[in-house]
Amino acid sequence: MKVAIAVFEGVHMLDLTGPAQIFYEGIKMGSDIQVEFISTSLDKMTYISSAGLSFTVTREFQRIELSEGDIIIVPGLDYQLISDELFLNSIRPFIVWLKEQNAKGVRICSVCTGAFILGEAEIIKDKSCTTHWRYCDRLIEKYPGIKIHKKRLFVEDGNIYTTAGMSSGIDLSLYLI
């Protein structure tokens, strides 16, 4: 199984590193997992997290081949970014690619505010989902038609998985293994 963890400018570190650590532990215990950190921009390979730590990725999103059952982790990032049209336009090719992966049956998982990226890709439309409690109402306002679960750690609806806060990304990763 391939796991592609998306890296954004302003990514929340625990949203990224929590699932990464769980999949690493799964590999150490014998699970057949390949983890890759992928860019979310066509021309950028180094990103600065919301906490100021830099990440350099080794794979561009459009160069990774995923199949049904593989996993994409979309970590959360600052709400200011996901509500900024300039930022969203800068990652539009990634959003289109995410929609294509959904159509192939790839399991797409958001951590925390990563659900807004899934909303932009229109893959939570008419789905049950969750996000950080602080942003549930904003998610419903921006993407009407979703069914929000405000008091759930994570929600599975078909091949789409959404989580509440940072640490629930770890819980979801354990569930997926």
C-alpha atoms as a PDB file:
ATOM      1  CA  MET A   1       0.000   0.000   0.000  1.00  0.00           C
ATOM      2  CA  LYS A   2       1.250   3.471  -0.902  1.00  0.00           C
ATOM      3  CA  VAL A   3       0.661   6.394   1.448  1.00  0.00           C
ATOM      4  CA  ALA A   4       1.169   9.860  -0.009  1.00  0.00           C
ATOM      5  CA  ILE A   5       1.321  12.613   2.592  1.00  0.00           C
ATOM      6  CA  ALA A   6       0.701  16.042   1.075  1.00  0.00           C
ATOM      7  CA  VAL A   7       2.862  18.931   2.249  1.00  0.00           C
ATOM      8  CA  PHE A   8       1.502  22.471   2.080  1.00  0.00           C
ATOM      9  CA  GLU A   9       2.923  25.851   2.921  1.00  0.00           C
ATOM     10  CA  GLY A  10       1.764  26.524   6.493  1.00  0.00           C
ATOM     11  CA  VAL A  11       1.050  22.872   7.245  1.00  0.00           C
ATOM     12  CA  HIS A  12       0.396  22.005  10.880  1.00  0.00           C
ATOM     13  CA  MET A  13       3.310  19.840  11.972  1.00  0.00           C
ATOM     14  CA  LEU A  14       1.422  17.259  14.026  1.00  0.00           C
ATOM     15  CA  ASP A  15      -1.132  16.819  11.232  1.00  0.00           C
ATOM     16  CA  LEU A  16       1.791  15.812   9.023  1.00  0.00           C
ATOM     17  CA  THR A  17       4.174  14.055  11.387  1.00  0.00           C
ATOM     18  CA  GLY A  18       1.578  12.212  13.496  1.00  0.00           C
ATOM     19  CA  PRO A  19       0.307  10.036  10.629  1.00  0.00           C
ATOM     20  CA  ALA A  20       3.850   9.753   9.227  1.00  0.00           C
ATOM     21  CA  GLN A  21       5.099   8.301  12.509  1.00  0.00           C
ATOM     22  CA  ILE A  22       2.224   5.811  12.713  1.00  0.00           C
ATOM     23  CA  PHE A  23       2.873   4.528   9.181  1.00  0.00           C
ATOM     24  CA  TYR A  24       6.612   4.350   9.976  1.00  0.00           C
ATOM     25  CA  GLU A  25       5.818   2.198  13.015  1.00  0.00           C
ATOM     26  CA  GLY A  26       3.581   0.033  10.826  1.00  0.00           C
ATOM     27  CA  ILE A  27       6.485  -0.520   8.437  1.00  0.00           C
ATOM     28  CA  LYS A  28       8.765  -1.444  11.355  1.00  0.00           C
ATOM     29  CA  MET A  29       6.179  -4.022  12.465  1.00  0.00           C
ATOM     30  CA  GLY A  30       6.072  -5.626   9.012  1.00  0.00           C
ATOM     31  CA  SER A  31       3.241  -3.839   7.199  1.00  0.00           C
ATOM     32  CA  ASP A  32       3.731  -3.468   3.454  1.00  0.00           C
ATOM     33  CA  ILE A  33       3.554   0.330   3.351  1.00  0.00           C
ATOM     34  CA  GLN A  34       5.462   2.823   1.209  1.00  0.00           C
ATOM     35  CA  VAL A  35       5.289   6.411   2.476  1.00  0.00           C
ATOM     36  CA  GLU A  36       6.059   9.417   0.300  1.00  0.00           C
ATOM     37  CA  PHE A  37       5.813  13.094   1.098  1.00  0.00           C
ATOM     38  CA  ILE A  38       4.451  14.914  -1.924  1.00  0.00           C
ATOM     39  CA  SER A  39       4.410  18.537  -3.031  1.00  0.00           C
ATOM     40  CA  THR A  40       1.132  20.378  -3.460  1.00  0.00           C
ATOM     41  CA  SER A  41       2.559  22.943  -5.860  1.00  0.00           C
ATOM     42  CA  LEU A  42       3.892  22.519  -9.388  1.00  0.00           C
ATOM     43  CA  ASP A  43       7.073  24.471  -8.730  1.00  0.00           C
ATOM     44  CA  LYS A  44       7.872  24.119  -5.050  1.00  0.00           C
ATOM     45  CA  MET A  45       9.587  21.381  -3.091  1.00  0.00           C
ATOM     46  CA  THR A  46      10.383  23.156   0.214  1.00  0.00           C
ATOM     47  CA  TYR A  47       7.612  24.265   2.543  1.00  0.00           C
ATOM     48  CA  ILE A  48       7.554  26.093   5.872  1.00  0.00           C
ATOM     49  CA  SER A  49       5.172  24.729   8.503  1.00  0.00           C
ATOM     50  CA  SER A  50       2.878  26.883  10.622  1.00  0.00           C
ATOM     51  CA  ALA A  51       5.441  26.473  13.437  1.00  0.00           C
ATOM     52  CA  GLY A  52       8.330  27.653  11.242  1.00  0.00           C
ATOM     53  CA  LEU A  53      10.030  24.290  10.554  1.00  0.00           C
ATOM     54  CA  SER A  54      10.946  23.656   6.902  1.00  0.00           C
ATOM     55  CA  PHE A  55      10.107  20.453   5.046  1.00  0.00           C
ATOM     56  CA  THR A  56      11.627  19.376   1.746  1.00  0.00           C
ATOM     57  CA  VAL A  57       9.719  16.780  -0.237  1.00  0.00           C
ATOM     58  CA  THR A  58      11.154  14.432  -2.812  1.00  0.00           C
ATOM     59  CA  ARG A  59       8.158  13.762  -5.041  1.00  0.00           C
ATOM     60  CA  GLU A  60       5.900  16.029  -7.048  1.00  0.00           C
ATOM     61  CA  PHE A  61       2.224  15.143  -6.649  1.00  0.00           C
ATOM     62  CA  GLN A  62       1.672  14.627 -10.367  1.00  0.00           C
ATOM     63  CA  ARG A  63       4.518  12.097 -10.571  1.00  0.00           C
ATOM     64  CA  ILE A  64       3.165   9.594  -8.066  1.00  0.00           C
ATOM     65  CA  GLU A  65       1.060   6.680  -9.294  1.00  0.00           C
ATOM     66  CA  LEU A  66      -1.667   5.643  -6.885  1.00  0.00           C
ATOM     67  CA  SER A  67      -4.255   2.898  -7.191  1.00  0.00           C
ATOM     68  CA  GLU A  68      -7.519   1.997  -5.542  1.00  0.00           C
ATOM     69  CA  GLY A  69      -6.891   1.345  -1.853  1.00  0.00           C
ATOM     70  CA  ASP A  70      -3.787   3.532  -1.639  1.00  0.00           C
ATOM     71  CA  ILE A  71      -3.977   6.514   0.718  1.00  0.00           C
ATOM     72  CA  ILE A  72      -3.510  10.266   0.474  1.00  0.00           C
ATOM     73  CA  ILE A  73      -3.203  12.201   3.729  1.00  0.00           C
ATOM     74  CA  VAL A  74      -4.212  15.867   3.475  1.00  0.00           C
ATOM     75  CA  PRO A  75      -3.018  17.540   6.683  1.00  0.00           C
ATOM     76  CA  GLY A  76      -4.504  20.695   8.110  1.00  0.00           C
ATOM     77  CA  LEU A  77      -3.128  24.166   7.805  1.00  0.00           C
ATOM     78  CA  ASP A  78      -3.916  27.626   9.067  1.00  0.00           C
ATOM     79  CA  TYR A  79      -7.471  28.714   8.362  1.00  0.00           C
ATOM     80  CA  GLN A  80      -6.173  32.010   6.935  1.00  0.00           C
ATOM     81  CA  LEU A  81      -4.555  30.050   4.108  1.00  0.00           C
ATOM     82  CA  ILE A  82      -7.486  27.782   3.306  1.00  0.00           C
ATOM     83  CA  SER A  83      -9.800  30.776   3.168  1.00  0.00           C
ATOM     84  CA  ASP A  84      -7.453  32.735   0.880  1.00  0.00           C
ATOM     85  CA  GLU A  85      -8.367  32.527  -2.816  1.00  0.00           C
ATOM     86  CA  LEU A  86      -4.781  33.305  -3.888  1.00  0.00           C
ATOM     87  CA  PHE A  87      -3.510  30.338  -1.888  1.00  0.00           C
ATOM     88  CA  LEU A  88      -6.269  28.054  -3.185  1.00  0.00           C
ATOM     89  CA  ASN A  89      -5.516  29.109  -6.756  1.00  0.00           C
ATOM     90  CA  SER A  90      -1.825  28.352  -6.188  1.00  0.00           C
ATOM     91  CA  ILE A  91      -2.685  24.740  -5.297  1.00  0.00           C
ATOM     92  CA  ARG A  92      -5.499  24.343  -7.872  1.00  0.00           C
ATOM     93  CA  PRO A  93      -3.570  21.729  -9.922  1.00  0.00           C
ATOM     94  CA  PHE A  94      -3.179  19.646  -6.738  1.00  0.00           C
ATOM     95  CA  ILE A  95      -6.903  20.021  -6.014  1.00  0.00           C
ATOM     96  CA  VAL A  96      -7.754  18.777  -9.530  1.00  0.00           C
ATOM     97  CA  TRP A  97      -5.325  15.873  -9.077  1.00  0.00           C
ATOM     98  CA  LEU A  98      -6.953  15.019  -5.729  1.00  0.00           C
ATOM     99  CA  LYS A  99     -10.337  14.854  -7.434  1.00  0.00           C
ATOM    100  CA  GLU A 100      -8.865  12.495 -10.059  1.00  0.00           C
ATOM    101  CA  GLN A 101      -7.426  10.245  -7.344  1.00  0.00           C
ATOM    102  CA  ASN A 102     -10.840  10.116  -5.663  1.00  0.00           C
ATOM    103  CA  ALA A 103     -12.397   8.931  -8.945  1.00  0.00           C
ATOM    104  CA  LYS A 104      -9.822   6.088  -9.032  1.00  0.00           C
ATOM    105  CA  GLY A 105     -10.857   4.889  -5.562  1.00  0.00           C
ATOM    106  CA  VAL A 106      -7.791   6.117  -3.706  1.00  0.00           C
ATOM    107  CA  ARG A 107      -8.595   6.563  -0.004  1.00  0.00           C
ATOM    108  CA  ILE A 108      -8.408  10.280   0.734  1.00  0.00           C
ATOM    109  CA  CYS A 109      -7.951  11.328   4.346  1.00  0.00           C
ATOM    110  CA  SER A 110      -7.988  14.817   5.781  1.00  0.00           C
ATOM    111  CA  VAL A 111      -6.623  15.767   9.152  1.00  0.00           C
ATOM    112  CA  CYS A 112      -8.254  18.716  10.910  1.00  0.00           C
ATOM    113  CA  THR A 113      -8.735  21.657   8.526  1.00  0.00           C
ATOM    114  CA  GLY A 114      -7.496  19.564   5.610  1.00  0.00           C
ATOM    115  CA  ALA A 115     -11.238  18.905   5.114  1.00  0.00           C
ATOM    116  CA  PHE A 116     -11.432  22.330   3.456  1.00  0.00           C
ATOM    117  CA  ILE A 117      -9.065  21.107   0.734  1.00  0.00           C
ATOM    118  CA  LEU A 118     -11.362  18.101   0.209  1.00  0.00           C
ATOM    119  CA  GLY A 119     -14.237  20.586  -0.016  1.00  0.00           C
ATOM    120  CA  GLU A 120     -12.392  22.530  -2.711  1.00  0.00           C
ATOM    121  CA  ALA A 121     -11.955  19.270  -4.630  1.00  0.00           C
ATOM    122  CA  GLU A 122     -15.704  18.661  -4.240  1.00  0.00           C
ATOM    123  CA  ILE A 123     -15.091  15.188  -2.809  1.00  0.00           C
ATOM    124  CA  ILE A 124     -16.984  15.706   0.448  1.00  0.00           C
ATOM    125  CA  LYS A 125     -20.072  16.953  -1.354  1.00  0.00           C
ATOM    126  CA  ASP A 126     -23.065  14.935  -0.090  1.00  0.00           C
ATOM    127  CA  LYS A 127     -20.753  13.089   2.336  1.00  0.00           C
ATOM    128  CA  SER A 128     -20.526  12.704   6.091  1.00  0.00           C
ATOM    129  CA  CYS A 129     -17.414  14.332   7.488  1.00  0.00           C
ATOM    130  CA  THR A 130     -15.816  16.184  10.364  1.00  0.00           C
ATOM    131  CA  THR A 131     -13.105  18.744  11.010  1.00  0.00           C
ATOM    132  CA  HIS A 132     -11.743  20.619  13.999  1.00  0.00           C
ATOM    133  CA  TRP A 133     -14.675  21.684  16.205  1.00  0.00           C
ATOM    134  CA  ARG A 134     -13.709  25.331  15.801  1.00  0.00           C
ATOM    135  CA  TYR A 135     -14.257  25.134  12.027  1.00  0.00           C
ATOM    136  CA  CYS A 136     -17.265  22.812  11.647  1.00  0.00           C
ATOM    137  CA  ASP A 137     -19.733  25.641  11.047  1.00  0.00           C
ATOM    138  CA  ARG A 138     -17.405  27.327   8.566  1.00  0.00           C
ATOM    139  CA  LEU A 139     -17.034  24.051   6.646  1.00  0.00           C
ATOM    140  CA  ILE A 140     -20.825  23.703   6.357  1.00  0.00           C
ATOM    141  CA  GLU A 141     -21.164  27.345   5.266  1.00  0.00           C
ATOM    142  CA  LYS A 142     -18.517  27.031   2.589  1.00  0.00           C
ATOM    143  CA  TYR A 143     -19.530  23.584   1.313  1.00  0.00           C
ATOM    144  CA  PRO A 144     -23.298  23.152   1.736  1.00  0.00           C
ATOM    145  CA  GLY A 145     -24.676  19.660   1.396  1.00  0.00           C
ATOM    146  CA  ILE A 146     -22.154  17.964   3.646  1.00  0.00           C
ATOM    147  CA  LYS A 147     -23.287  16.201   6.793  1.00  0.00           C
ATOM    148  CA  ILE A 148     -21.015  17.326   9.614  1.00  0.00           C
ATOM    149  CA  HIS A 149     -20.351  15.264  12.727  1.00  0.00           C
ATOM    150  CA  LYS A 150     -19.079  17.715  15.309  1.00  0.00           C
ATOM    151  CA  LYS A 151     -18.356  15.214  18.070  1.00  0.00           C
ATOM    152  CA  ARG A 152     -16.558  12.455  16.174  1.00  0.00           C
ATOM    153  CA  LEU A 153     -12.798  11.833  16.124  1.00  0.00           C
ATOM    154  CA  PHE A 154     -12.989  10.667  12.537  1.00  0.00           C
ATOM    155  CA  VAL A 155     -15.644   9.869   9.967  1.00  0.00           C
ATOM    156  CA  GLU A 156     -15.455   7.306   7.171  1.00  0.00           C
ATOM    157  CA  ASP A 157     -17.756   7.707   4.164  1.00  0.00           C
ATOM    158  CA  GLY A 158     -16.792   5.437   1.298  1.00  0.00           C
ATOM    159  CA  ASN A 159     -13.165   6.109   0.426  1.00  0.00           C
ATOM    160  CA  ILE A 160     -13.196   9.504   2.174  1.00  0.00           C
ATOM    161  CA  TYR A 161     -11.959   9.835   5.760  1.00  0.00           C
ATOM    162  CA  THR A 162     -11.987  13.092   7.714  1.00  0.00           C
ATOM    163  CA  THR A 163     -10.696  13.741  11.218  1.00  0.00           C
ATOM    164  CA  ALA A 164     -11.372  16.313  13.913  1.00  0.00           C
ATOM    165  CA  GLY A 165      -8.209  17.748  15.447  1.00  0.00           C
ATOM    166  CA  MET A 166      -4.506  17.034  15.144  1.00  0.00           C
ATOM    167  CA  SER A 167      -4.270  13.958  17.341  1.00  0.00           C
ATOM    168  CA  SER A 168      -7.251  12.300  15.656  1.00  0.00           C
ATOM    169  CA  GLY A 169      -5.072  12.053  12.532  1.00  0.00           C
ATOM    170  CA  ILE A 170      -2.983   9.620  14.569  1.00  0.00           C
ATOM    171  CA  ASP A 171      -6.116   7.657  15.539  1.00  0.00           C
ATOM    172  CA  LEU A 172      -7.204   7.449  11.914  1.00  0.00           C
ATOM    173  CA  SER A 173      -3.748   6.280  10.811  1.00  0.00           C
ATOM    174  CA  LEU A 174      -3.867   3.479  13.395  1.00  0.00           C
ATOM    175  CA  TYR A 175      -7.335   2.518  12.115  1.00  0.00           C
ATOM    176  CA  LEU A 176      -6.109   2.428   8.496  1.00  0.00           C
ATOM    177  CA  ILE A 177      -3.223   0.111   9.362  1.00  0.00           C
END
